[in-house]
Amino acid sequence: GATTVSATTLNEIVRKLPDGAQVT
């Protein structure tokens, strides 16, 4: 599938997640 989401917000969230985390 496909979708669009705020690039800046997504970047900030992923940056703050712990190292090695598996993201869904």
PDBML (XML) file of the C-alpha atoms, coordinates in Angstrom:
<?xml version="1.0" encoding="UTF-8" ?>
<PDBx:datablock datablockName="MODEL"
   xmlns:PDBx="http://pdbml.pdb.org/schema/pdbx-v50.xsd"
   xmlns:xsi="http://www.w3.org/2001/XMLSchema-instance"
   xsi:schemaLocation="http://pdbml.pdb.org/schema/pdbx-v50.xsd pdbx-v50.xsd">
   <PDBx:atom_siteCategory>
      <PDBx:atom_site id="1">
         <PDBx:B_iso_or_equiv>0.00</PDBx:B_iso_or_equiv>
         <PDBx:Cartn_x>0.000</PDBx:Cartn_x>
         <PDBx:Cartn_y>0.000</PDBx:Cartn_y>
         <PDBx:Cartn_z>0.000</PDBx:Cartn_z>
         <PDBx:auth_asym_id>A</PDBx:auth_asym_id>
         <PDBx:auth_atom_id>CA</PDBx:auth_atom_id>
         <PDBx:auth_comp_id>GLY</PDBx:auth_comp_id>
         <PDBx:auth_seq_id>1</PDBx:auth_seq_id>
         <PDBx:group_PDB>ATOM</PDBx:group_PDB>
         <PDBx:label_alt_id xsi:nil="true" />
         <PDBx:label_asym_id>A</PDBx:label_asym_id>
         <PDBx:label_atom_id>CA</PDBx:label_atom_id>
         <PDBx:label_comp_id>GLY</PDBx:label_comp_id>
         <PDBx:label_entity_id>1</PDBx:label_entity_id>
         <PDBx:label_seq_id>1</PDBx:label_seq_id>
         <PDBx:occupancy>1.00</PDBx:occupancy>
         <PDBx:pdbx_PDB_model_num>1</PDBx:pdbx_PDB_model_num>
         <PDBx:type_symbol>C</PDBx:type_symbol>
      </PDBx:atom_site>
      <PDBx:atom_site id="2">
         <PDBx:B_iso_or_equiv>0.00</PDBx:B_iso_or_equiv>
         <PDBx:Cartn_x>0.937</PDBx:Cartn_x>
         <PDBx:Cartn_y>3.668</PDBx:Cartn_y>
         <PDBx:Cartn_z>0.076</PDBx:Cartn_z>
         <PDBx:auth_asym_id>A</PDBx:auth_asym_id>
         <PDBx:auth_atom_id>CA</PDBx:auth_atom_id>
         <PDBx:auth_comp_id>ALA</PDBx:auth_comp_id>
         <PDBx:auth_seq_id>2</PDBx:auth_seq_id>
         <PDBx:group_PDB>ATOM</PDBx:group_PDB>
         <PDBx:label_alt_id xsi:nil="true" />
         <PDBx:label_asym_id>A</PDBx:label_asym_id>
         <PDBx:label_atom_id>CA</PDBx:label_atom_id>
         <PDBx:label_comp_id>ALA</PDBx:label_comp_id>
         <PDBx:label_entity_id>1</PDBx:label_entity_id>
         <PDBx:label_seq_id>2</PDBx:label_seq_id>
         <PDBx:occupancy>1.00</PDBx:occupancy>
         <PDBx:pdbx_PDB_model_num>1</PDBx:pdbx_PDB_model_num>
         <PDBx:type_symbol>C</PDBx:type_symbol>
      </PDBx:atom_site>
      <PDBx:atom_site id="3">
         <PDBx:B_iso_or_equiv>0.00</PDBx:B_iso_or_equiv>
         <PDBx:Cartn_x>0.297</PDBx:Cartn_x>
         <PDBx:Cartn_y>6.757</PDBx:Cartn_y>
         <PDBx:Cartn_z>2.148</PDBx:Cartn_z>
         <PDBx:auth_asym_id>A</PDBx:auth_asym_id>
         <PDBx:auth_atom_id>CA</PDBx:auth_atom_id>
         <PDBx:auth_comp_id>THR</PDBx:auth_comp_id>
         <PDBx:auth_seq_id>3</PDBx:auth_seq_id>
         <PDBx:group_PDB>ATOM</PDBx:group_PDB>
         <PDBx:label_alt_id xsi:nil="true" />
         <PDBx:label_asym_id>A</PDBx:label_asym_id>
         <PDBx:label_atom_id>CA</PDBx:label_atom_id>
         <PDBx:label_comp_id>THR</PDBx:label_comp_id>
         <PDBx:label_entity_id>1</PDBx:label_entity_id>
         <PDBx:label_seq_id>3</PDBx:label_seq_id>
         <PDBx:occupancy>1.00</PDBx:occupancy>
         <PDBx:pdbx_PDB_model_num>1</PDBx:pdbx_PDB_model_num>
         <PDBx:type_symbol>C</PDBx:type_symbol>
      </PDBx:atom_site>
      <PDBx:atom_site id="4">
         <PDBx:B_iso_or_equiv>0.00</PDBx:B_iso_or_equiv>
         <PDBx:Cartn_x>1.772</PDBx:Cartn_x>
         <PDBx:Cartn_y>10.192</PDBx:Cartn_y>
         <PDBx:Cartn_z>2.878</PDBx:Cartn_z>
         <PDBx:auth_asym_id>A</PDBx:auth_asym_id>
         <PDBx:auth_atom_id>CA</PDBx:auth_atom_id>
         <PDBx:auth_comp_id>THR</PDBx:auth_comp_id>
         <PDBx:auth_seq_id>4</PDBx:auth_seq_id>
         <PDBx:group_PDB>ATOM</PDBx:group_PDB>
         <PDBx:label_alt_id xsi:nil="true" />
         <PDBx:label_asym_id>A</PDBx:label_asym_id>
         <PDBx:label_atom_id>CA</PDBx:label_atom_id>
         <PDBx:label_comp_id>THR</PDBx:label_comp_id>
         <PDBx:label_entity_id>1</PDBx:label_entity_id>
         <PDBx:label_seq_id>4</PDBx:label_seq_id>
         <PDBx:occupancy>1.00</PDBx:occupancy>
         <PDBx:pdbx_PDB_model_num>1</PDBx:pdbx_PDB_model_num>
         <PDBx:type_symbol>C</PDBx:type_symbol>
      </PDBx:atom_site>
      <PDBx:atom_site id="5">
         <PDBx:B_iso_or_equiv>0.00</PDBx:B_iso_or_equiv>
         <PDBx:Cartn_x>2.667</PDBx:Cartn_x>
         <PDBx:Cartn_y>11.609</PDBx:Cartn_y>
         <PDBx:Cartn_z>6.279</PDBx:Cartn_z>
         <PDBx:auth_asym_id>A</PDBx:auth_asym_id>
         <PDBx:auth_atom_id>CA</PDBx:auth_atom_id>
         <PDBx:auth_comp_id>VAL</PDBx:auth_comp_id>
         <PDBx:auth_seq_id>5</PDBx:auth_seq_id>
         <PDBx:group_PDB>ATOM</PDBx:group_PDB>
         <PDBx:label_alt_id xsi:nil="true" />
         <PDBx:label_asym_id>A</PDBx:label_asym_id>
         <PDBx:label_atom_id>CA</PDBx:label_atom_id>
         <PDBx:label_comp_id>VAL</PDBx:label_comp_id>
         <PDBx:label_entity_id>1</PDBx:label_entity_id>
         <PDBx:label_seq_id>5</PDBx:label_seq_id>
         <PDBx:occupancy>1.00</PDBx:occupancy>
         <PDBx:pdbx_PDB_model_num>1</PDBx:pdbx_PDB_model_num>
         <PDBx:type_symbol>C</PDBx:type_symbol>
      </PDBx:atom_site>
      <PDBx:atom_site id="6">
         <PDBx:B_iso_or_equiv>0.00</PDBx:B_iso_or_equiv>
         <PDBx:Cartn_x>4.555</PDBx:Cartn_x>
         <PDBx:Cartn_y>14.648</PDBx:Cartn_y>
         <PDBx:Cartn_z>7.642</PDBx:Cartn_z>
         <PDBx:auth_asym_id>A</PDBx:auth_asym_id>
         <PDBx:auth_atom_id>CA</PDBx:auth_atom_id>
         <PDBx:auth_comp_id>SER</PDBx:auth_comp_id>
         <PDBx:auth_seq_id>6</PDBx:auth_seq_id>
         <PDBx:group_PDB>ATOM</PDBx:group_PDB>
         <PDBx:label_alt_id xsi:nil="true" />
         <PDBx:label_asym_id>A</PDBx:label_asym_id>
         <PDBx:label_atom_id>CA</PDBx:label_atom_id>
         <PDBx:label_comp_id>SER</PDBx:label_comp_id>
         <PDBx:label_entity_id>1</PDBx:label_entity_id>
         <PDBx:label_seq_id>6</PDBx:label_seq_id>
         <PDBx:occupancy>1.00</PDBx:occupancy>
         <PDBx:pdbx_PDB_model_num>1</PDBx:pdbx_PDB_model_num>
         <PDBx:type_symbol>C</PDBx:type_symbol>
      </PDBx:atom_site>
      <PDBx:atom_site id="7">
         <PDBx:B_iso_or_equiv>0.00</PDBx:B_iso_or_equiv>
         <PDBx:Cartn_x>8.251</PDBx:Cartn_x>
         <PDBx:Cartn_y>14.081</PDBx:Cartn_y>
         <PDBx:Cartn_z>6.889</PDBx:Cartn_z>
         <PDBx:auth_asym_id>A</PDBx:auth_asym_id>
         <PDBx:auth_atom_id>CA</PDBx:auth_atom_id>
         <PDBx:auth_comp_id>ALA</PDBx:auth_comp_id>
         <PDBx:auth_seq_id>7</PDBx:auth_seq_id>
         <PDBx:group_PDB>ATOM</PDBx:group_PDB>
         <PDBx:label_alt_id xsi:nil="true" />
         <PDBx:label_asym_id>A</PDBx:label_asym_id>
         <PDBx:label_atom_id>CA</PDBx:label_atom_id>
         <PDBx:label_comp_id>ALA</PDBx:label_comp_id>
         <PDBx:label_entity_id>1</PDBx:label_entity_id>
         <PDBx:label_seq_id>7</PDBx:label_seq_id>
         <PDBx:occupancy>1.00</PDBx:occupancy>
         <PDBx:pdbx_PDB_model_num>1</PDBx:pdbx_PDB_model_num>
         <PDBx:type_symbol>C</PDBx:type_symbol>
      </PDBx:atom_site>
      <PDBx:atom_site id="8">
         <PDBx:B_iso_or_equiv>0.00</PDBx:B_iso_or_equiv>
         <PDBx:Cartn_x>9.508</PDBx:Cartn_x>
         <PDBx:Cartn_y>16.260</PDBx:Cartn_y>
         <PDBx:Cartn_z>9.756</PDBx:Cartn_z>
         <PDBx:auth_asym_id>A</PDBx:auth_asym_id>
         <PDBx:auth_atom_id>CA</PDBx:auth_atom_id>
         <PDBx:auth_comp_id>THR</PDBx:auth_comp_id>
         <PDBx:auth_seq_id>8</PDBx:auth_seq_id>
         <PDBx:group_PDB>ATOM</PDBx:group_PDB>
         <PDBx:label_alt_id xsi:nil="true" />
         <PDBx:label_asym_id>A</PDBx:label_asym_id>
         <PDBx:label_atom_id>CA</PDBx:label_atom_id>
         <PDBx:label_comp_id>THR</PDBx:label_comp_id>
         <PDBx:label_entity_id>1</PDBx:label_entity_id>
         <PDBx:label_seq_id>8</PDBx:label_seq_id>
         <PDBx:occupancy>1.00</PDBx:occupancy>
         <PDBx:pdbx_PDB_model_num>1</PDBx:pdbx_PDB_model_num>
         <PDBx:type_symbol>C</PDBx:type_symbol>
      </PDBx:atom_site>
      <PDBx:atom_site id="9">
         <PDBx:B_iso_or_equiv>0.00</PDBx:B_iso_or_equiv>
         <PDBx:Cartn_x>7.254</PDBx:Cartn_x>
         <PDBx:Cartn_y>14.697</PDBx:Cartn_y>
         <PDBx:Cartn_z>12.400</PDBx:Cartn_z>
         <PDBx:auth_asym_id>A</PDBx:auth_asym_id>
         <PDBx:auth_atom_id>CA</PDBx:auth_atom_id>
         <PDBx:auth_comp_id>THR</PDBx:auth_comp_id>
         <PDBx:auth_seq_id>9</PDBx:auth_seq_id>
         <PDBx:group_PDB>ATOM</PDBx:group_PDB>
         <PDBx:label_alt_id xsi:nil="true" />
         <PDBx:label_asym_id>A</PDBx:label_asym_id>
         <PDBx:label_atom_id>CA</PDBx:label_atom_id>
         <PDBx:label_comp_id>THR</PDBx:label_comp_id>
         <PDBx:label_entity_id>1</PDBx:label_entity_id>
         <PDBx:label_seq_id>9</PDBx:label_seq_id>
         <PDBx:occupancy>1.00</PDBx:occupancy>
         <PDBx:pdbx_PDB_model_num>1</PDBx:pdbx_PDB_model_num>
         <PDBx:type_symbol>C</PDBx:type_symbol>
      </PDBx:atom_site>
      <PDBx:atom_site id="10">
         <PDBx:B_iso_or_equiv>0.00</PDBx:B_iso_or_equiv>
         <PDBx:Cartn_x>8.058</PDBx:Cartn_x>
         <PDBx:Cartn_y>11.150</PDBx:Cartn_y>
         <PDBx:Cartn_z>11.283</PDBx:Cartn_z>
         <PDBx:auth_asym_id>A</PDBx:auth_asym_id>
         <PDBx:auth_atom_id>CA</PDBx:auth_atom_id>
         <PDBx:auth_comp_id>LEU</PDBx:auth_comp_id>
         <PDBx:auth_seq_id>10</PDBx:auth_seq_id>
         <PDBx:group_PDB>ATOM</PDBx:group_PDB>
         <PDBx:label_alt_id xsi:nil="true" />
         <PDBx:label_asym_id>A</PDBx:label_asym_id>
         <PDBx:label_atom_id>CA</PDBx:label_atom_id>
         <PDBx:label_comp_id>LEU</PDBx:label_comp_id>
         <PDBx:label_entity_id>1</PDBx:label_entity_id>
         <PDBx:label_seq_id>10</PDBx:label_seq_id>
         <PDBx:occupancy>1.00</PDBx:occupancy>
         <PDBx:pdbx_PDB_model_num>1</PDBx:pdbx_PDB_model_num>
         <PDBx:type_symbol>C</PDBx:type_symbol>
      </PDBx:atom_site>
      <PDBx:atom_site id="11">
         <PDBx:B_iso_or_equiv>0.00</PDBx:B_iso_or_equiv>
         <PDBx:Cartn_x>11.775</PDBx:Cartn_x>
         <PDBx:Cartn_y>11.978</PDBx:Cartn_y>
         <PDBx:Cartn_z>11.321</PDBx:Cartn_z>
         <PDBx:auth_asym_id>A</PDBx:auth_asym_id>
         <PDBx:auth_atom_id>CA</PDBx:auth_atom_id>
         <PDBx:auth_comp_id>ASN</PDBx:auth_comp_id>
         <PDBx:auth_seq_id>11</PDBx:auth_seq_id>
         <PDBx:group_PDB>ATOM</PDBx:group_PDB>
         <PDBx:label_alt_id xsi:nil="true" />
         <PDBx:label_asym_id>A</PDBx:label_asym_id>
         <PDBx:label_atom_id>CA</PDBx:label_atom_id>
         <PDBx:label_comp_id>ASN</PDBx:label_comp_id>
         <PDBx:label_entity_id>1</PDBx:label_entity_id>
         <PDBx:label_seq_id>11</PDBx:label_seq_id>
         <PDBx:occupancy>1.00</PDBx:occupancy>
         <PDBx:pdbx_PDB_model_num>1</PDBx:pdbx_PDB_model_num>
         <PDBx:type_symbol>C</PDBx:type_symbol>
      </PDBx:atom_site>
      <PDBx:atom_site id="12">
         <PDBx:B_iso_or_equiv>0.00</PDBx:B_iso_or_equiv>
         <PDBx:Cartn_x>11.560</PDBx:Cartn_x>
         <PDBx:Cartn_y>13.401</PDBx:Cartn_y>
         <PDBx:Cartn_z>14.855</PDBx:Cartn_z>
         <PDBx:auth_asym_id>A</PDBx:auth_asym_id>
         <PDBx:auth_atom_id>CA</PDBx:auth_atom_id>
         <PDBx:auth_comp_id>GLU</PDBx:auth_comp_id>
         <PDBx:auth_seq_id>12</PDBx:auth_seq_id>
         <PDBx:group_PDB>ATOM</PDBx:group_PDB>
         <PDBx:label_alt_id xsi:nil="true" />
         <PDBx:label_asym_id>A</PDBx:label_asym_id>
         <PDBx:label_atom_id>CA</PDBx:label_atom_id>
         <PDBx:label_comp_id>GLU</PDBx:label_comp_id>
         <PDBx:label_entity_id>1</PDBx:label_entity_id>
         <PDBx:label_seq_id>12</PDBx:label_seq_id>
         <PDBx:occupancy>1.00</PDBx:occupancy>
         <PDBx:pdbx_PDB_model_num>1</PDBx:pdbx_PDB_model_num>
         <PDBx:type_symbol>C</PDBx:type_symbol>
      </PDBx:atom_site>
      <PDBx:atom_site id="13">
         <PDBx:B_iso_or_equiv>0.00</PDBx:B_iso_or_equiv>
         <PDBx:Cartn_x>9.677</PDBx:Cartn_x>
         <PDBx:Cartn_y>10.329</PDBx:Cartn_y>
         <PDBx:Cartn_z>16.134</PDBx:Cartn_z>
         <PDBx:auth_asym_id>A</PDBx:auth_asym_id>
         <PDBx:auth_atom_id>CA</PDBx:auth_atom_id>
         <PDBx:auth_comp_id>ILE</PDBx:auth_comp_id>
         <PDBx:auth_seq_id>13</PDBx:auth_seq_id>
         <PDBx:group_PDB>ATOM</PDBx:group_PDB>
         <PDBx:label_alt_id xsi:nil="true" />
         <PDBx:label_asym_id>A</PDBx:label_asym_id>
         <PDBx:label_atom_id>CA</PDBx:label_atom_id>
         <PDBx:label_comp_id>ILE</PDBx:label_comp_id>
         <PDBx:label_entity_id>1</PDBx:label_entity_id>
         <PDBx:label_seq_id>13</PDBx:label_seq_id>
         <PDBx:occupancy>1.00</PDBx:occupancy>
         <PDBx:pdbx_PDB_model_num>1</PDBx:pdbx_PDB_model_num>
         <PDBx:type_symbol>C</PDBx:type_symbol>
      </PDBx:atom_site>
      <PDBx:atom_site id="14">
         <PDBx:B_iso_or_equiv>0.00</PDBx:B_iso_or_equiv>
         <PDBx:Cartn_x>12.078</PDBx:Cartn_x>
         <PDBx:Cartn_y>7.813</PDBx:Cartn_y>
         <PDBx:Cartn_z>14.579</PDBx:Cartn_z>
         <PDBx:auth_asym_id>A</PDBx:auth_asym_id>
         <PDBx:auth_atom_id>CA</PDBx:auth_atom_id>
         <PDBx:auth_comp_id>VAL</PDBx:auth_comp_id>
         <PDBx:auth_seq_id>14</PDBx:auth_seq_id>
         <PDBx:group_PDB>ATOM</PDBx:group_PDB>
         <PDBx:label_alt_id xsi:nil="true" />
         <PDBx:label_asym_id>A</PDBx:label_asym_id>
         <PDBx:label_atom_id>CA</PDBx:label_atom_id>
         <PDBx:label_comp_id>VAL</PDBx:label_comp_id>
         <PDBx:label_entity_id>1</PDBx:label_entity_id>
         <PDBx:label_seq_id>14</PDBx:label_seq_id>
         <PDBx:occupancy>1.00</PDBx:occupancy>
         <PDBx:pdbx_PDB_model_num>1</PDBx:pdbx_PDB_model_num>
         <PDBx:type_symbol>C</PDBx:type_symbol>
      </PDBx:atom_site>
      <PDBx:atom_site id="15">
         <PDBx:B_iso_or_equiv>0.00</PDBx:B_iso_or_equiv>
         <PDBx:Cartn_x>15.111</PDBx:Cartn_x>
         <PDBx:Cartn_y>9.815</PDBx:Cartn_y>
         <PDBx:Cartn_z>15.768</PDBx:Cartn_z>
         <PDBx:auth_asym_id>A</PDBx:auth_asym_id>
         <PDBx:auth_atom_id>CA</PDBx:auth_atom_id>
         <PDBx:auth_comp_id>ARG</PDBx:auth_comp_id>
         <PDBx:auth_seq_id>15</PDBx:auth_seq_id>
         <PDBx:group_PDB>ATOM</PDBx:group_PDB>
         <PDBx:label_alt_id xsi:nil="true" />
         <PDBx:label_asym_id>A</PDBx:label_asym_id>
         <PDBx:label_atom_id>CA</PDBx:label_atom_id>
         <PDBx:label_comp_id>ARG</PDBx:label_comp_id>
         <PDBx:label_entity_id>1</PDBx:label_entity_id>
         <PDBx:label_seq_id>15</PDBx:label_seq_id>
         <PDBx:occupancy>1.00</PDBx:occupancy>
         <PDBx:pdbx_PDB_model_num>1</PDBx:pdbx_PDB_model_num>
         <PDBx:type_symbol>C</PDBx:type_symbol>
      </PDBx:atom_site>
      <PDBx:atom_site id="16">
         <PDBx:B_iso_or_equiv>0.00</PDBx:B_iso_or_equiv>
         <PDBx:Cartn_x>13.883</PDBx:Cartn_x>
         <PDBx:Cartn_y>9.613</PDBx:Cartn_y>
         <PDBx:Cartn_z>19.369</PDBx:Cartn_z>
         <PDBx:auth_asym_id>A</PDBx:auth_asym_id>
         <PDBx:auth_atom_id>CA</PDBx:auth_atom_id>
         <PDBx:auth_comp_id>LYS</PDBx:auth_comp_id>
         <PDBx:auth_seq_id>16</PDBx:auth_seq_id>
         <PDBx:group_PDB>ATOM</PDBx:group_PDB>
         <PDBx:label_alt_id xsi:nil="true" />
         <PDBx:label_asym_id>A</PDBx:label_asym_id>
         <PDBx:label_atom_id>CA</PDBx:label_atom_id>
         <PDBx:label_comp_id>LYS</PDBx:label_comp_id>
         <PDBx:label_entity_id>1</PDBx:label_entity_id>
         <PDBx:label_seq_id>16</PDBx:label_seq_id>
         <PDBx:occupancy>1.00</PDBx:occupancy>
         <PDBx:pdbx_PDB_model_num>1</PDBx:pdbx_PDB_model_num>
         <PDBx:type_symbol>C</PDBx:type_symbol>
      </PDBx:atom_site>
      <PDBx:atom_site id="17">
         <PDBx:B_iso_or_equiv>0.00</PDBx:B_iso_or_equiv>
         <PDBx:Cartn_x>13.178</PDBx:Cartn_x>
         <PDBx:Cartn_y>5.870</PDBx:Cartn_y>
         <PDBx:Cartn_z>19.308</PDBx:Cartn_z>
         <PDBx:auth_asym_id>A</PDBx:auth_asym_id>
         <PDBx:auth_atom_id>CA</PDBx:auth_atom_id>
         <PDBx:auth_comp_id>LEU</PDBx:auth_comp_id>
         <PDBx:auth_seq_id>17</PDBx:auth_seq_id>
         <PDBx:group_PDB>ATOM</PDBx:group_PDB>
         <PDBx:label_alt_id xsi:nil="true" />
         <PDBx:label_asym_id>A</PDBx:label_asym_id>
         <PDBx:label_atom_id>CA</PDBx:label_atom_id>
         <PDBx:label_comp_id>LEU</PDBx:label_comp_id>
         <PDBx:label_entity_id>1</PDBx:label_entity_id>
         <PDBx:label_seq_id>17</PDBx:label_seq_id>
         <PDBx:occupancy>1.00</PDBx:occupancy>
         <PDBx:pdbx_PDB_model_num>1</PDBx:pdbx_PDB_model_num>
         <PDBx:type_symbol>C</PDBx:type_symbol>
      </PDBx:atom_site>
      <PDBx:atom_site id="18">
         <PDBx:B_iso_or_equiv>0.00</PDBx:B_iso_or_equiv>
         <PDBx:Cartn_x>15.778</PDBx:Cartn_x>
         <PDBx:Cartn_y>3.607</PDBx:Cartn_y>
         <PDBx:Cartn_z>20.977</PDBx:Cartn_z>
         <PDBx:auth_asym_id>A</PDBx:auth_asym_id>
         <PDBx:auth_atom_id>CA</PDBx:auth_atom_id>
         <PDBx:auth_comp_id>PRO</PDBx:auth_comp_id>
         <PDBx:auth_seq_id>18</PDBx:auth_seq_id>
         <PDBx:group_PDB>ATOM</PDBx:group_PDB>
         <PDBx:label_alt_id xsi:nil="true" />
         <PDBx:label_asym_id>A</PDBx:label_asym_id>
         <PDBx:label_atom_id>CA</PDBx:label_atom_id>
         <PDBx:label_comp_id>PRO</PDBx:label_comp_id>
         <PDBx:label_entity_id>1</PDBx:label_entity_id>
         <PDBx:label_seq_id>18</PDBx:label_seq_id>
         <PDBx:occupancy>1.00</PDBx:occupancy>
         <PDBx:pdbx_PDB_model_num>1</PDBx:pdbx_PDB_model_num>
         <PDBx:type_symbol>C</PDBx:type_symbol>
      </PDBx:atom_site>
      <PDBx:atom_site id="19">
         <PDBx:B_iso_or_equiv>0.00</PDBx:B_iso_or_equiv>
         <PDBx:Cartn_x>18.608</PDBx:Cartn_x>
         <PDBx:Cartn_y>2.112</PDBx:Cartn_y>
         <PDBx:Cartn_z>18.903</PDBx:Cartn_z>
         <PDBx:auth_asym_id>A</PDBx:auth_asym_id>
         <PDBx:auth_atom_id>CA</PDBx:auth_atom_id>
         <PDBx:auth_comp_id>ASP</PDBx:auth_comp_id>
         <PDBx:auth_seq_id>19</PDBx:auth_seq_id>
         <PDBx:group_PDB>ATOM</PDBx:group_PDB>
         <PDBx:label_alt_id xsi:nil="true" />
         <PDBx:label_asym_id>A</PDBx:label_asym_id>
         <PDBx:label_atom_id>CA</PDBx:label_atom_id>
         <PDBx:label_comp_id>ASP</PDBx:label_comp_id>
         <PDBx:label_entity_id>1</PDBx:label_entity_id>
         <PDBx:label_seq_id>19</PDBx:label_seq_id>
         <PDBx:occupancy>1.00</PDBx:occupancy>
         <PDBx:pdbx_PDB_model_num>1</PDBx:pdbx_PDB_model_num>
         <PDBx:type_symbol>C</PDBx:type_symbol>
      </PDBx:atom_site>
      <PDBx:atom_site id="20">
         <PDBx:B_iso_or_equiv>0.00</PDBx:B_iso_or_equiv>
         <PDBx:Cartn_x>17.898</PDBx:Cartn_x>
         <PDBx:Cartn_y>-1.307</PDBx:Cartn_y>
         <PDBx:Cartn_z>17.437</PDBx:Cartn_z>
         <PDBx:auth_asym_id>A</PDBx:auth_asym_id>
         <PDBx:auth_atom_id>CA</PDBx:auth_atom_id>
         <PDBx:auth_comp_id>GLY</PDBx:auth_comp_id>
         <PDBx:auth_seq_id>20</PDBx:auth_seq_id>
         <PDBx:group_PDB>ATOM</PDBx:group_PDB>
         <PDBx:label_alt_id xsi:nil="true" />
         <PDBx:label_asym_id>A</PDBx:label_asym_id>
         <PDBx:label_atom_id>CA</PDBx:label_atom_id>
         <PDBx:label_comp_id>GLY</PDBx:label_comp_id>
         <PDBx:label_entity_id>1</PDBx:label_entity_id>
         <PDBx:label_seq_id>20</PDBx:label_seq_id>
         <PDBx:occupancy>1.00</PDBx:occupancy>
         <PDBx:pdbx_PDB_model_num>1</PDBx:pdbx_PDB_model_num>
         <PDBx:type_symbol>C</PDBx:type_symbol>
      </PDBx:atom_site>
      <PDBx:atom_site id="21">
         <PDBx:B_iso_or_equiv>0.00</PDBx:B_iso_or_equiv>
         <PDBx:Cartn_x>14.113</PDBx:Cartn_x>
         <PDBx:Cartn_y>-0.934</PDBx:Cartn_y>
         <PDBx:Cartn_z>17.804</PDBx:Cartn_z>
         <PDBx:auth_asym_id>A</PDBx:auth_asym_id>
         <PDBx:auth_atom_id>CA</PDBx:auth_atom_id>
         <PDBx:auth_comp_id>ALA</PDBx:auth_comp_id>
         <PDBx:auth_seq_id>21</PDBx:auth_seq_id>
         <PDBx:group_PDB>ATOM</PDBx:group_PDB>
         <PDBx:label_alt_id xsi:nil="true" />
         <PDBx:label_asym_id>A</PDBx:label_asym_id>
         <PDBx:label_atom_id>CA</PDBx:label_atom_id>
         <PDBx:label_comp_id>ALA</PDBx:label_comp_id>
         <PDBx:label_entity_id>1</PDBx:label_entity_id>
         <PDBx:label_seq_id>21</PDBx:label_seq_id>
         <PDBx:occupancy>1.00</PDBx:occupancy>
         <PDBx:pdbx_PDB_model_num>1</PDBx:pdbx_PDB_model_num>
         <PDBx:type_symbol>C</PDBx:type_symbol>
      </PDBx:atom_site>
      <PDBx:atom_site id="22">
         <PDBx:B_iso_or_equiv>0.00</PDBx:B_iso_or_equiv>
         <PDBx:Cartn_x>11.869</PDBx:Cartn_x>
         <PDBx:Cartn_y>-2.708</PDBx:Cartn_y>
         <PDBx:Cartn_z>15.294</PDBx:Cartn_z>
         <PDBx:auth_asym_id>A</PDBx:auth_asym_id>
         <PDBx:auth_atom_id>CA</PDBx:auth_atom_id>
         <PDBx:auth_comp_id>GLN</PDBx:auth_comp_id>
         <PDBx:auth_seq_id>22</PDBx:auth_seq_id>
         <PDBx:group_PDB>ATOM</PDBx:group_PDB>
         <PDBx:label_alt_id xsi:nil="true" />
         <PDBx:label_asym_id>A</PDBx:label_asym_id>
         <PDBx:label_atom_id>CA</PDBx:label_atom_id>
         <PDBx:label_comp_id>GLN</PDBx:label_comp_id>
         <PDBx:label_entity_id>1</PDBx:label_entity_id>
         <PDBx:label_seq_id>22</PDBx:label_seq_id>
         <PDBx:occupancy>1.00</PDBx:occupancy>
         <PDBx:pdbx_PDB_model_num>1</PDBx:pdbx_PDB_model_num>
         <PDBx:type_symbol>C</PDBx:type_symbol>
      </PDBx:atom_site>
      <PDBx:atom_site id="23">
         <PDBx:B_iso_or_equiv>0.00</PDBx:B_iso_or_equiv>
         <PDBx:Cartn_x>9.343</PDBx:Cartn_x>
         <PDBx:Cartn_y>-0.169</PDBx:Cartn_y>
         <PDBx:Cartn_z>14.012</PDBx:Cartn_z>
         <PDBx:auth_asym_id>A</PDBx:auth_asym_id>
         <PDBx:auth_atom_id>CA</PDBx:auth_atom_id>
         <PDBx:auth_comp_id>VAL</PDBx:auth_comp_id>
         <PDBx:auth_seq_id>23</PDBx:auth_seq_id>
         <PDBx:group_PDB>ATOM</PDBx:group_PDB>
         <PDBx:label_alt_id xsi:nil="true" />
         <PDBx:label_asym_id>A</PDBx:label_asym_id>
         <PDBx:label_atom_id>CA</PDBx:label_atom_id>
         <PDBx:label_comp_id>VAL</PDBx:label_comp_id>
         <PDBx:label_entity_id>1</PDBx:label_entity_id>
         <PDBx:label_seq_id>23</PDBx:label_seq_id>
         <PDBx:occupancy>1.00</PDBx:occupancy>
         <PDBx:pdbx_PDB_model_num>1</PDBx:pdbx_PDB_model_num>
         <PDBx:type_symbol>C</PDBx:type_symbol>
      </PDBx:atom_site>
      <PDBx:atom_site id="24">
         <PDBx:B_iso_or_equiv>0.00</PDBx:B_iso_or_equiv>
         <PDBx:Cartn_x>5.906</PDBx:Cartn_x>
         <PDBx:Cartn_y>-1.050</PDBx:Cartn_y>
         <PDBx:Cartn_z>12.630</PDBx:Cartn_z>
         <PDBx:auth_asym_id>A</PDBx:auth_asym_id>
         <PDBx:auth_atom_id>CA</PDBx:auth_atom_id>
         <PDBx:auth_comp_id>THR</PDBx:auth_comp_id>
         <PDBx:auth_seq_id>24</PDBx:auth_seq_id>
         <PDBx:group_PDB>ATOM</PDBx:group_PDB>
         <PDBx:label_alt_id xsi:nil="true" />
         <PDBx:label_asym_id>A</PDBx:label_asym_id>
         <PDBx:label_atom_id>CA</PDBx:label_atom_id>
         <PDBx:label_comp_id>THR</PDBx:label_comp_id>
         <PDBx:label_entity_id>1</PDBx:label_entity_id>
         <PDBx:label_seq_id>24</PDBx:label_seq_id>
         <PDBx:occupancy>1.00</PDBx:occupancy>
         <PDBx:pdbx_PDB_model_num>1</PDBx:pdbx_PDB_model_num>
         <PDBx:type_symbol>C</PDBx:type_symbol>
      </PDBx:atom_site>
   </PDBx:atom_siteCategory>
</PDBx:datablock>
